[in-house]
Amino acid sequence: MNPSEPLARLDLGRRQRLGMIEAIWGETKDADQITTILERLHQAGELALVTRVSPEKAAAIEKKLRQGPTPIAAGFEHHRQARALTSGALPRADPALGLVQVLCGGTSDLAVAHEAQLALRCHGVATELVVDVGVAGLHRLLEQLPRLRSARVLIACAGMEGALPTVLAGLLPQPVIAVPVSVGYGVSAGGVAALNGMLASCAPGLSVVNIDNGYGAAMAALRILLALRGAAAGDRPSAAPRC
């Protein structure tokens, strides 16, 4: 790479433009690259979210931050269950945005569900995790329906055949965002069967993101919540006189 060429062209205007922070894909970046990006985000006063970071890589990044000239290691946290890290203080939940409930078919789906939760937390969205409600024991999901009605948006993570989001979207009126998970035997094909099943769902209005994309599901939910908040604010009576 040309030494004068920047390592990354950070989108520091994304919060103002879209209401969301820029997230960094960490799986294929090394510790030096991520450290440099974190330092630049810190200098810009932005919260950093880096997805798909192993514990070993996170430890290497934290060590580099502690040795560097910018004192940002105090705000560094590796979220092991979400396979992600943050740098900076996470905001408090904004009651005006409401609640997102993140469901998973089984405990094997938890990493993706936690990624979605963390991404929403970075934007001040309250979340609840509803675990092990896959359709193999449908009664477990039905028992949760009264609780689920309190959410504004539902994110459903499921592997195998990926039926959970379809069932949810047929039972509840909220927006349902489906996340196929790369869990399952043979023809599950690393989440492809779940993805195709969700795309072919007969439940009208079901939204589907890519395999294991908890972050993408969280941002889809955030867009819905921001639109609802904006609509609610626009419905309030104005103090200004009408012409």
Protein backbone atom coordinates (compact mmCIF):
# COMPACT_ATOMS: atom_id res chain seq x y z
CA MET A 1 0.00 0.00 0.00
CA ASN A 2 1.19 3.53 -0.79
CA PRO A 3 2.45 5.05 2.51
CA SER A 4 0.47 8.21 1.79
CA GLU A 5 -2.74 6.24 1.29
CA PRO A 6 -4.93 6.05 4.45
CA LEU A 7 -5.46 2.66 6.04
CA ALA A 8 -9.22 3.24 6.15
CA ARG A 9 -11.54 6.04 5.07
CA LEU A 10 -13.73 6.24 8.15
CA ASP A 11 -17.33 7.34 7.70
CA LEU A 12 -17.43 9.81 10.58
CA GLY A 13 -20.62 11.40 9.31
CA ARG A 14 -22.68 8.21 9.46
CA ARG A 15 -24.20 9.05 12.86
CA GLN A 16 -25.48 12.40 11.59
CA ARG A 17 -26.58 11.00 8.25
CA LEU A 18 -28.14 7.68 9.28
CA GLY A 19 -28.32 7.70 13.08
CA MET A 20 -25.81 4.86 13.41
CA ILE A 21 -22.11 4.58 14.13
CA GLU A 22 -19.68 3.00 11.70
CA ALA A 23 -18.91 -0.61 12.58
CA ILE A 24 -15.57 -2.19 11.75
CA TRP A 25 -15.32 -5.75 10.39
CA GLY A 26 -12.55 -7.27 12.48
CA GLU A 27 -12.20 -10.84 11.30
CA THR A 28 -9.87 -10.12 8.39
CA LYS A 29 -8.04 -7.15 9.91
CA ASP A 30 -4.95 -7.64 12.04
CA ALA A 31 -4.37 -6.16 15.50
CA ASP A 32 -2.27 -3.27 14.17
CA GLN A 33 -4.92 -2.23 11.67
CA ILE A 34 -7.72 -2.35 14.22
CA THR A 35 -5.65 -0.44 16.78
CA THR A 36 -5.00 2.36 14.28
CA ILE A 37 -8.70 2.59 13.46
CA LEU A 38 -9.66 2.67 17.16
CA GLU A 39 -7.21 5.51 17.77
CA ARG A 40 -8.69 7.52 14.89
CA LEU A 41 -12.24 6.95 16.12
CA HIS A 42 -11.20 8.01 19.63
CA GLN A 43 -9.66 11.20 18.28
CA ALA A 44 -12.94 11.93 16.48
CA GLY A 45 -14.91 11.37 19.70
CA GLU A 46 -16.76 8.36 18.30
CA LEU A 47 -17.74 5.10 19.96
CA ALA A 48 -16.09 2.15 18.22
CA LEU A 49 -17.68 -1.21 17.47
CA VAL A 50 -15.53 -3.93 15.93
CA THR A 51 -17.24 -7.21 15.04
CA ARG A 52 -15.79 -10.72 14.72
CA VAL A 53 -12.79 -10.38 17.01
CA SER A 54 -11.27 -13.46 18.67
CA PRO A 55 -10.12 -13.33 22.32
CA GLU A 56 -6.50 -13.60 21.18
CA LYS A 57 -6.77 -10.70 18.77
CA ALA A 58 -8.64 -8.62 21.35
CA ALA A 59 -5.86 -9.20 23.89
CA ALA A 60 -3.25 -8.10 21.35
CA ILE A 61 -5.22 -4.94 20.55
CA GLU A 62 -5.65 -4.05 24.22
CA LYS A 63 -1.91 -4.46 24.79
CA LYS A 64 -1.13 -2.12 21.89
CA LEU A 65 -3.62 0.46 23.16
CA ARG A 66 -2.03 0.44 26.61
CA GLN A 67 1.40 0.96 25.07
CA GLY A 68 0.29 3.67 22.65
CA PRO A 69 0.29 7.44 23.10
CA THR A 70 -3.51 7.71 23.22
CA PRO A 71 -5.00 6.69 26.60
CA ILE A 72 -8.07 4.84 25.32
CA ALA A 73 -7.52 1.39 26.83
CA ALA A 74 -9.73 2.28 29.81
CA GLY A 75 -12.78 2.34 27.55
CA PHE A 76 -11.85 -0.88 25.75
CA GLU A 77 -13.99 -4.00 26.25
CA HIS A 78 -14.02 -7.35 24.52
CA HIS A 79 -17.51 -8.87 24.49
CA ARG A 80 -16.60 -12.53 24.26
CA GLN A 81 -20.12 -13.87 23.71
CA ALA A 82 -20.74 -11.41 20.87
CA ARG A 83 -17.25 -11.95 19.39
CA ALA A 84 -16.88 -8.18 19.23
CA LEU A 85 -15.17 -5.30 20.97
CA THR A 86 -16.09 -1.75 21.83
CA SER A 87 -14.01 1.28 22.68
CA GLY A 88 -15.78 4.09 24.51
CA ALA A 89 -18.73 4.34 26.86
CA LEU A 90 -21.91 2.66 25.67
CA PRO A 91 -24.95 4.97 25.86
CA ARG A 92 -27.87 4.46 28.16
CA ALA A 93 -31.01 3.01 26.65
CA ASP A 94 -33.33 5.64 25.16
CA PRO A 95 -36.91 4.87 26.27
CA ALA A 96 -38.24 6.66 23.18
CA LEU A 97 -36.76 3.95 20.98
CA GLY A 98 -38.53 1.11 22.76
CA LEU A 99 -37.51 -2.51 23.19
CA VAL A 100 -36.08 -5.06 20.76
CA GLN A 101 -36.30 -8.71 21.72
CA VAL A 102 -33.70 -11.02 20.20
CA LEU A 103 -34.75 -14.67 20.00
CA CYS A 104 -32.70 -17.72 19.16
CA GLY A 105 -33.77 -21.23 18.33
CA GLY A 106 -31.08 -22.77 20.54
CA THR A 107 -27.93 -22.00 22.44
CA SER A 108 -25.84 -22.64 19.30
CA ASP A 109 -27.33 -19.42 17.89
CA LEU A 110 -26.24 -17.31 20.84
CA ALA A 111 -23.12 -15.71 19.33
CA VAL A 112 -25.16 -14.17 16.51
CA ALA A 113 -27.90 -13.08 18.92
CA HIS A 114 -25.35 -11.43 21.22
CA GLU A 115 -23.82 -9.59 18.26
CA ALA A 116 -27.24 -8.15 17.45
CA GLN A 117 -27.78 -7.15 21.07
CA LEU A 118 -24.42 -5.43 21.37
CA ALA A 119 -24.90 -3.49 18.13
CA LEU A 120 -28.24 -2.20 19.44
CA ARG A 121 -26.75 -1.32 22.83
CA CYS A 122 -24.18 0.82 21.02
CA HIS A 123 -27.11 2.89 19.75
CA GLY A 124 -29.01 3.23 23.01
CA VAL A 125 -31.61 0.56 22.27
CA ALA A 126 -32.89 -1.64 25.10
CA THR A 127 -32.84 -5.35 24.32
CA GLU A 128 -33.95 -8.63 25.84
CA LEU A 129 -32.66 -12.06 24.93
CA VAL A 130 -35.13 -14.94 24.60
CA VAL A 131 -33.20 -18.21 24.41
CA ASP A 132 -34.02 -21.75 23.25
CA VAL A 133 -37.46 -21.20 21.74
CA GLY A 134 -36.93 -23.20 18.54
CA VAL A 135 -39.87 -24.81 16.81
CA ALA A 136 -38.77 -28.35 17.69
CA GLY A 137 -40.58 -27.66 20.97
CA LEU A 138 -43.19 -25.18 19.81
CA HIS A 139 -44.76 -24.90 23.27
CA ARG A 140 -41.62 -23.10 24.48
CA LEU A 141 -42.22 -20.30 21.98
CA LEU A 142 -45.96 -20.11 22.61
CA GLU A 143 -45.31 -19.65 26.33
CA GLN A 144 -43.31 -16.51 25.52
CA LEU A 145 -45.93 -14.79 23.34
CA PRO A 146 -47.32 -12.50 26.08
CA ARG A 147 -43.78 -11.30 26.83
CA LEU A 148 -42.95 -10.81 23.15
CA ARG A 149 -45.88 -8.48 22.59
CA SER A 150 -44.05 -5.74 24.50
CA ALA A 151 -41.30 -5.42 21.87
CA ARG A 152 -41.39 -2.96 18.99
CA VAL A 153 -39.19 -5.17 16.82
CA LEU A 154 -38.28 -8.86 16.98
CA ILE A 155 -35.01 -10.35 15.72
CA ALA A 156 -35.10 -14.13 15.31
CA CYS A 157 -31.86 -16.10 14.89
CA ALA A 158 -32.20 -19.72 13.80
CA GLY A 159 -30.19 -22.44 12.08
CA MET A 160 -31.24 -25.89 10.79
CA GLU A 161 -34.31 -25.23 8.58
CA GLY A 162 -34.78 -21.71 10.00
CA ALA A 163 -38.52 -21.94 10.72
CA LEU A 164 -38.59 -19.78 13.87
CA PRO A 165 -38.98 -16.36 12.15
CA THR A 166 -41.82 -17.63 9.95
CA VAL A 167 -43.75 -18.85 12.97
CA LEU A 168 -43.16 -15.57 14.79
CA ALA A 169 -44.25 -13.47 11.82
CA GLY A 170 -47.45 -15.52 11.59
CA LEU A 171 -48.31 -14.98 15.25
CA LEU A 172 -47.25 -11.41 16.09
CA PRO A 173 -47.80 -8.07 14.33
CA GLN A 174 -44.42 -6.43 14.99
CA PRO A 175 -41.68 -6.27 12.36
CA VAL A 176 -39.73 -9.55 12.43
CA ILE A 177 -36.14 -9.64 11.17
CA ALA A 178 -34.85 -13.12 10.39
CA VAL A 179 -31.20 -14.12 10.80
CA PRO A 180 -30.17 -17.49 9.34
CA VAL A 181 -27.44 -19.09 11.44
CA SER A 182 -24.73 -21.44 10.18
CA VAL A 183 -25.80 -24.30 12.45
CA GLY A 184 -27.04 -27.69 11.25
CA TYR A 185 -26.16 -31.03 9.73
CA GLY A 186 -25.42 -31.89 6.09
CA VAL A 187 -27.88 -30.13 3.81
CA SER A 188 -28.06 -27.19 6.20
CA ALA A 189 -24.94 -26.17 4.25
CA GLY A 190 -23.60 -23.64 6.71
CA GLY A 191 -26.87 -21.73 7.01
CA VAL A 192 -27.89 -21.81 3.34
CA ALA A 193 -30.93 -24.01 4.04
CA ALA A 194 -32.09 -21.62 6.78
CA LEU A 195 -31.50 -18.62 4.50
CA ASN A 196 -33.48 -20.15 1.64
CA GLY A 197 -36.27 -21.20 4.00
CA MET A 198 -36.56 -17.68 5.39
CA LEU A 199 -36.49 -16.12 1.93
CA ALA A 200 -39.23 -18.54 0.82
CA SER A 201 -41.34 -17.88 3.93
CA CYS A 202 -45.10 -17.67 3.49
CA ALA A 203 -45.34 -15.17 6.37
CA PRO A 204 -45.95 -11.78 4.71
CA GLY A 205 -43.57 -8.96 5.56
CA LEU A 206 -40.77 -11.05 7.03
CA SER A 207 -37.37 -9.37 6.50
CA VAL A 208 -34.24 -11.49 6.07
CA VAL A 209 -30.55 -10.62 6.44
CA ASN A 210 -27.49 -12.65 5.48
CA ILE A 211 -26.16 -15.72 7.26
CA ASP A 212 -24.88 -15.00 10.79
CA ASN A 213 -25.38 -11.26 10.26
CA GLY A 214 -26.52 -10.22 13.72
CA TYR A 215 -25.11 -6.74 13.16
CA GLY A 216 -27.11 -6.28 9.96
CA ALA A 217 -30.31 -7.36 11.71
CA ALA A 218 -29.64 -4.87 14.50
CA MET A 219 -29.21 -2.02 12.01
CA ALA A 220 -32.42 -2.99 10.22
CA ALA A 221 -34.20 -2.86 13.58
CA LEU A 222 -32.57 0.50 14.37
CA ARG A 223 -33.83 2.01 11.12
CA ILE A 224 -37.37 0.93 12.02
CA LEU A 225 -37.08 2.35 15.54
CA LEU A 226 -35.67 5.66 14.34
CA ALA A 227 -38.50 5.98 11.82
CA LEU A 228 -41.09 5.22 14.51
CA ARG A 229 -39.53 7.75 16.87
CA GLY A 230 -39.47 10.36 14.13
CA ALA A 231 -43.10 9.70 13.25
CA ALA A 232 -44.13 9.96 16.90
CA ALA A 233 -42.28 13.27 17.26
CA GLY A 234 -43.95 14.56 14.10
CA ASP A 235 -47.39 13.65 15.47
CA ARG A 236 -46.95 15.83 18.55
CA PRO A 237 -48.81 19.16 18.46
CA SER A 238 -46.55 22.08 17.59
CA ALA A 239 -46.29 25.14 19.83
CA ALA A 240 -45.86 27.31 16.75
CA PRO A 241 -49.03 28.98 15.38
CA ARG A 242 -50.47 27.54 12.20
CA CYS A 243 -51.04 29.77 9.21
